[in-house]
Amino acid sequence: MNTLTLGYSPCPNDTFIFYALTHGRIPANFAVREILEDVESLNSRAMAGRPASTGETAANAGMPAAGEMLDLTKISFHAAAYLLDNYCLLRSGGALGRGCGPLVVSRDYSDIEDVRGRSIAIPGRYTTAQLLLMLYGRGFDDVRVMQFDRIMPAVAGGDVDAGLIIHEGRFTYQNYGLKKLLDLGEWWEKETGAPIPLGCILAKRSLGKETVMAVEDAIRRSIIYARENRAECTGYIKAHAQEMDDSVIDGHISLYVNSFSDDFGEEGVRAIEKLFSMASEAGVIPAKRAPLFF
């Protein structure tokens, strides 16, 4: 049985989605070895696009080295636009929806116009959050890249003027005394009428169509298992979550794991194409790319 490397974030939506697949709760003709990293680390790993060099070793025995391309990986749609020569999108396991976009927050300012030209902490240069901010308008160039869970403390402490927050931050920013200046998901929906594509699962094209389809189906069945056995997944989810409050975890999963996670469907694919079209027209991502799917 082949063993495939699978990278995803420690956020509740991902650990919920992949619990059954990584814990042998569903039958599959392949095994997986999970690698949990924050979304920008996964983006950077995939963007490196190279095999591990001679002598390069992983921090943990049996784990891929930092530069090794994973067989399967969670990725921001922003980064995915650069990776389609070697990877294809899977239709299951992604994060796409309504009312779930990234927010710009601040301690000292009350209007998004007030922070043009000021410092903004972002969760990564190739996150979809950063892509949306670039599409929203000019003047947000003084960016400071930070791991997503450090952004709200940095804004609250006055280290930066504003922060671009994702994941659990949507539910907890007020606990840090911060104010919402802009909901980029709300802006996107008004501009396009489409749900917002945030993240997806990529598979190496070299795995072949049969394996790619098998993985796509297994992820879909893993989601179904998690929905039907929610309590069983709780320990694994909490072991990796940044926020331990049950209501935050439940709200996170309910928002980011939805029907689009099962399958993008035609509406989801149109939204992805719209995002890539707008970004390529703005010169933010490459204009030419391989097909989205295998």
Protein backbone atom coordinates (compact mmCIF):
# COMPACT_ATOMS: atom_id res chain seq x y z
CA MET A 1 0.00 0.00 0.00
CA ASN A 2 1.36 3.40 -1.00
CA THR A 3 1.91 6.00 1.73
CA LEU A 4 1.20 9.58 0.69
CA THR A 5 2.40 12.66 2.54
CA LEU A 6 -0.46 15.00 3.45
CA GLY A 7 0.02 18.53 4.75
CA TYR A 8 -2.72 20.54 6.42
CA SER A 9 -3.11 23.18 9.09
CA PRO A 10 -3.80 22.59 12.80
CA CYS A 11 -6.99 24.68 12.50
CA PRO A 12 -10.24 22.97 13.54
CA ASN A 13 -11.69 22.82 10.04
CA ASP A 14 -8.70 20.87 8.71
CA THR A 15 -8.30 18.53 11.68
CA PHE A 16 -12.04 17.87 11.50
CA ILE A 17 -11.87 17.09 7.77
CA PHE A 18 -8.84 14.80 7.94
CA TYR A 19 -9.40 13.05 11.27
CA ALA A 20 -11.00 9.91 9.83
CA LEU A 21 -8.56 9.66 6.92
CA THR A 22 -5.47 9.96 9.13
CA HIS A 23 -6.80 7.69 11.89
CA GLY A 24 -7.81 4.74 9.74
CA ARG A 25 -11.54 5.24 10.26
CA ILE A 26 -12.40 4.88 6.59
CA PRO A 27 -11.20 2.26 4.08
CA ALA A 28 -8.69 3.46 1.48
CA ASN A 29 -6.22 1.80 -0.87
CA PHE A 30 -3.46 4.13 0.32
CA ALA A 31 -2.05 5.28 3.67
CA VAL A 32 -1.26 8.86 4.65
CA ARG A 33 1.40 10.48 6.81
CA GLU A 34 0.16 13.84 8.04
CA ILE A 35 2.29 16.97 8.43
CA LEU A 36 0.61 19.77 10.38
CA GLU A 37 1.92 23.25 9.61
CA ASP A 38 0.39 26.72 9.46
CA VAL A 39 -1.01 27.71 6.08
CA GLU A 40 1.87 29.98 5.04
CA SER A 41 4.43 27.28 5.90
CA LEU A 42 2.53 24.92 3.61
CA ASN A 43 2.37 27.63 0.93
CA SER A 44 6.12 28.20 1.20
CA ARG A 45 6.91 24.48 1.14
CA ALA A 46 4.89 23.98 -2.03
CA MET A 47 6.24 27.16 -3.64
CA ALA A 48 9.80 25.91 -3.08
CA GLY A 49 8.91 23.12 -5.48
CA ARG A 50 12.03 21.05 -5.06
CA PRO A 51 12.93 17.61 -3.71
CA ALA A 52 14.90 17.44 -0.50
CA SER A 53 18.57 18.07 -1.19
CA THR A 54 21.36 15.65 -0.30
CA GLY A 55 21.95 15.60 3.43
CA GLU A 56 18.76 17.51 4.24
CA THR A 57 16.89 15.87 7.09
CA ALA A 58 13.52 16.45 8.70
CA ALA A 59 13.22 17.67 12.28
CA ASN A 60 11.23 14.56 13.17
CA ALA A 61 12.15 11.04 12.09
CA GLY A 62 10.10 9.93 9.12
CA MET A 63 8.88 13.43 8.27
CA PRO A 64 9.57 15.12 4.94
CA ALA A 65 12.32 17.73 4.87
CA ALA A 66 11.29 21.38 4.76
CA GLY A 67 11.82 21.71 1.03
CA GLU A 68 10.21 18.44 -0.03
CA MET A 69 7.09 18.62 -2.18
CA LEU A 70 4.23 16.88 -0.42
CA ASP A 71 2.02 14.48 -2.33
CA LEU A 72 -1.10 16.20 -1.00
CA THR A 73 -1.27 19.60 0.63
CA LYS A 74 -3.67 22.22 1.89
CA ILE A 75 -2.86 25.45 0.10
CA SER A 76 -4.11 29.01 -0.23
CA PHE A 77 -5.73 29.71 -3.59
CA HIS A 78 -3.24 32.56 -4.02
CA ALA A 79 -0.33 30.12 -3.86
CA ALA A 80 -2.21 27.52 -5.91
CA ALA A 81 -2.18 29.83 -8.91
CA TYR A 82 1.61 29.36 -9.14
CA LEU A 83 1.60 25.59 -8.65
CA LEU A 84 -0.73 24.13 -11.24
CA ASP A 85 2.01 22.82 -13.49
CA ASN A 86 2.93 20.22 -10.87
CA TYR A 87 -0.27 20.02 -8.83
CA CYS A 88 -3.99 19.81 -9.53
CA LEU A 89 -6.90 20.87 -7.34
CA LEU A 90 -9.07 18.32 -5.59
CA ARG A 91 -12.80 19.02 -5.53
CA SER A 92 -13.13 18.00 -1.87
CA GLY A 93 -11.50 19.19 1.36
CA GLY A 94 -11.31 22.88 0.53
CA ALA A 95 -12.45 26.05 2.29
CA LEU A 96 -14.90 28.09 0.25
CA GLY A 97 -18.09 29.78 1.36
CA ARG A 98 -19.99 32.88 2.34
CA GLY A 99 -19.54 35.05 5.41
CA CYS A 100 -16.12 33.52 6.08
CA GLY A 101 -13.62 35.97 4.63
CA PRO A 102 -10.53 37.51 6.25
CA LEU A 103 -10.86 40.72 8.28
CA VAL A 104 -8.74 43.83 8.63
CA VAL A 105 -8.70 44.90 12.29
CA SER A 106 -7.07 47.69 14.27
CA ARG A 107 -6.73 48.98 17.81
CA ASP A 108 -6.33 52.69 17.10
CA TYR A 109 -8.23 53.26 13.83
CA SER A 110 -11.90 53.00 12.93
CA ASP A 111 -11.93 53.21 9.12
CA ILE A 112 -10.07 51.23 6.48
CA GLU A 113 -9.00 54.48 4.79
CA ASP A 114 -7.12 55.45 7.94
CA VAL A 115 -4.64 52.58 7.53
CA ARG A 116 -3.66 53.13 3.91
CA GLY A 117 0.08 53.65 3.99
CA ARG A 118 0.36 52.31 7.54
CA SER A 119 1.77 49.02 8.76
CA ILE A 120 -0.39 45.92 8.40
CA ALA A 121 0.48 42.46 9.72
CA ILE A 122 -0.45 39.72 7.26
CA PRO A 123 -0.50 35.92 7.67
CA GLY A 124 1.68 35.33 4.60
CA ARG A 125 2.50 36.80 1.19
CA TYR A 126 0.82 33.94 -0.65
CA THR A 127 -2.30 33.63 1.49
CA THR A 128 -5.63 34.29 -0.20
CA ALA A 129 -6.21 36.94 2.47
CA GLN A 130 -3.26 38.93 1.12
CA LEU A 131 -4.43 38.41 -2.47
CA LEU A 132 -7.86 39.82 -1.58
CA LEU A 133 -6.30 42.83 0.14
CA MET A 134 -4.24 43.50 -3.00
CA LEU A 135 -7.38 43.26 -5.14
CA TYR A 136 -9.32 45.53 -2.78
CA GLY A 137 -7.12 48.55 -3.41
CA ARG A 138 -3.77 50.29 -3.31
CA GLY A 139 -1.98 51.75 -0.34
CA PHE A 140 -1.67 48.62 1.75
CA ASP A 141 1.95 47.90 0.90
CA ASP A 142 3.63 48.28 4.30
CA VAL A 143 3.06 44.66 5.25
CA ARG A 144 4.70 42.67 8.03
CA VAL A 145 4.50 38.91 7.58
CA MET A 146 3.66 37.04 10.79
CA GLN A 147 2.30 33.64 11.73
CA PHE A 148 -1.47 34.06 11.90
CA ASP A 149 -1.75 33.51 15.66
CA ARG A 150 0.73 36.34 16.39
CA ILE A 151 -1.16 39.01 14.46
CA MET A 152 -3.84 40.00 16.97
CA PRO A 153 -1.39 40.31 19.89
CA ALA A 154 0.87 42.44 17.67
CA VAL A 155 -1.98 44.78 16.74
CA ALA A 156 -3.23 44.94 20.33
CA GLY A 157 0.30 45.73 21.53
CA GLY A 158 0.77 48.55 19.04
CA ASP A 159 3.56 46.83 17.10
CA VAL A 160 1.59 47.35 13.88
CA ASP A 161 -1.28 49.65 12.96
CA ALA A 162 -3.60 46.97 11.62
CA GLY A 163 -3.82 43.23 11.06
CA LEU A 164 -5.21 40.93 8.41
CA ILE A 165 -6.71 38.04 10.33
CA ILE A 166 -7.91 34.58 9.34
CA HIS A 167 -9.07 31.34 10.99
CA GLU A 168 -10.23 31.63 14.62
CA GLY A 169 -9.38 35.34 14.65
CA ARG A 170 -12.73 36.03 13.05
CA PHE A 171 -14.39 34.94 16.29
CA THR A 172 -11.95 36.32 18.86
CA TYR A 173 -10.54 39.69 17.70
CA GLN A 174 -12.82 41.65 20.04
CA ASN A 175 -11.22 39.86 22.99
CA TYR A 176 -8.04 41.76 22.12
CA GLY A 177 -9.80 45.14 22.10
CA LEU A 178 -9.67 45.34 18.29
CA LYS A 179 -12.17 46.82 15.83
CA LYS A 180 -13.15 45.46 12.43
CA LEU A 181 -12.28 47.87 9.62
CA LEU A 182 -13.01 45.67 6.62
CA ASP A 183 -14.53 42.28 5.90
CA LEU A 184 -12.84 41.18 2.68
CA GLY A 185 -15.25 38.29 2.27
CA GLU A 186 -18.19 40.68 2.40
CA TRP A 187 -16.45 42.95 -0.11
CA TRP A 188 -15.76 40.00 -2.43
CA GLU A 189 -19.36 38.80 -2.31
CA LYS A 190 -20.70 42.28 -3.12
CA GLU A 191 -18.25 42.66 -6.00
CA THR A 192 -18.78 39.24 -7.57
CA GLY A 193 -21.90 37.64 -6.10
CA ALA A 194 -19.80 34.52 -5.64
CA PRO A 195 -18.71 32.58 -2.55
CA ILE A 196 -15.15 33.30 -1.50
CA PRO A 197 -12.42 30.74 -2.31
CA LEU A 198 -9.93 30.62 0.56
CA GLY A 199 -8.05 27.31 0.50
CA CYS A 200 -7.99 24.00 -1.33
CA ILE A 201 -6.25 20.64 -1.39
CA LEU A 202 -3.67 20.02 -4.09
CA ALA A 203 -2.45 16.65 -5.33
CA LYS A 204 0.69 15.99 -7.35
CA ARG A 205 -0.24 15.39 -10.97
CA SER A 206 2.45 12.72 -11.04
CA LEU A 207 0.30 10.54 -8.73
CA GLY A 208 -1.90 9.75 -11.71
CA LYS A 209 -5.62 10.11 -12.23
CA GLU A 210 -6.64 6.91 -10.44
CA THR A 211 -4.85 7.87 -7.23
CA VAL A 212 -6.02 11.49 -7.39
CA MET A 213 -9.65 10.39 -7.74
CA ALA A 214 -9.26 7.89 -4.91
CA VAL A 215 -7.88 10.60 -2.60
CA GLU A 216 -10.66 12.99 -3.53
CA ASP A 217 -13.26 10.34 -2.68
CA ALA A 218 -11.51 9.41 0.58
CA ILE A 219 -11.47 13.04 1.76
CA ARG A 220 -15.18 13.31 1.04
CA ARG A 221 -15.85 10.16 3.08
CA SER A 222 -13.60 11.48 5.87
CA ILE A 223 -15.80 14.59 6.12
CA ILE A 224 -18.95 12.48 6.27
CA TYR A 225 -17.43 10.34 9.02
CA ALA A 226 -16.52 13.42 11.06
CA ARG A 227 -20.03 14.82 10.79
CA GLU A 228 -21.53 11.53 11.92
CA ASN A 229 -18.98 11.02 14.73
CA ARG A 230 -18.34 14.58 15.90
CA ALA A 231 -17.57 13.69 19.53
CA GLU A 232 -14.91 11.16 18.49
CA CYS A 233 -12.95 13.88 16.64
CA THR A 234 -12.95 16.36 19.53
CA GLY A 235 -9.74 15.25 21.24
CA TYR A 236 -7.71 15.42 18.04
CA ILE A 237 -9.15 18.82 17.12
CA LYS A 238 -8.49 20.32 20.56
CA ALA A 239 -4.98 18.91 20.68
CA HIS A 240 -4.02 21.23 17.80
CA ALA A 241 -6.41 24.21 18.09
CA GLN A 242 -5.16 27.68 18.98
CA GLU A 243 -8.41 28.49 20.77
CA MET A 244 -9.78 25.87 23.17
CA ASP A 245 -13.23 27.35 23.73
CA ASP A 246 -15.85 24.87 22.47
CA SER A 247 -18.03 27.60 20.97
CA VAL A 248 -15.11 29.00 18.98
CA ILE A 249 -14.12 25.56 17.70
CA ASP A 250 -17.71 24.66 16.78
CA GLY A 251 -18.24 28.02 15.09
CA HIS A 252 -15.01 27.61 13.14
CA ILE A 253 -15.97 24.16 11.86
CA SER A 254 -19.55 25.16 11.05
CA LEU A 255 -18.35 28.15 9.03
CA TYR A 256 -15.47 26.62 7.10
CA VAL A 257 -16.65 23.03 6.61
CA ASN A 258 -19.72 23.22 4.40
CA SER A 259 -21.16 21.78 1.21
CA PHE A 260 -18.27 23.25 -0.79
CA SER A 261 -15.89 21.19 1.35
CA ASP A 262 -17.61 18.04 0.07
CA ASP A 263 -17.42 19.22 -3.53
CA PHE A 264 -16.80 22.64 -5.07
CA GLY A 265 -19.58 22.03 -7.57
CA GLU A 266 -20.19 24.32 -10.52
CA GLU A 267 -20.73 27.39 -8.32
CA GLY A 268 -17.47 26.84 -6.49
CA VAL A 269 -15.47 26.29 -9.67
CA ARG A 270 -16.90 29.51 -11.14
CA ALA A 271 -15.84 31.38 -8.00
CA ILE A 272 -12.30 30.00 -8.26
CA GLU A 273 -12.09 30.94 -11.92
CA LYS A 274 -13.37 34.43 -11.07
CA LEU A 275 -10.70 34.92 -8.40
CA PHE A 276 -7.93 33.80 -10.73
CA SER A 277 -9.30 35.92 -13.57
CA MET A 278 -9.43 39.09 -11.46
CA ALA A 279 -5.98 38.45 -10.01
CA SER A 280 -4.36 37.76 -13.40
CA GLU A 281 -5.99 40.86 -14.93
CA ALA A 282 -4.55 42.88 -12.04
CA GLY A 283 -1.12 41.39 -12.72
CA VAL A 284 -0.98 39.74 -9.31
CA ILE A 285 -0.72 36.12 -10.48
CA PRO A 286 0.51 34.54 -13.73
CA ALA A 287 -1.86 35.02 -16.65
CA LYS A 288 -1.25 31.54 -18.06
CA ARG A 289 -1.66 28.35 -16.07
CA ALA A 290 -2.46 24.67 -16.41
CA PRO A 291 -6.03 23.37 -15.92
CA LEU A 292 -7.36 23.44 -12.37
CA PHE A 293 -8.22 19.76 -12.17
CA PHE A 294 -6.53 16.60 -13.38
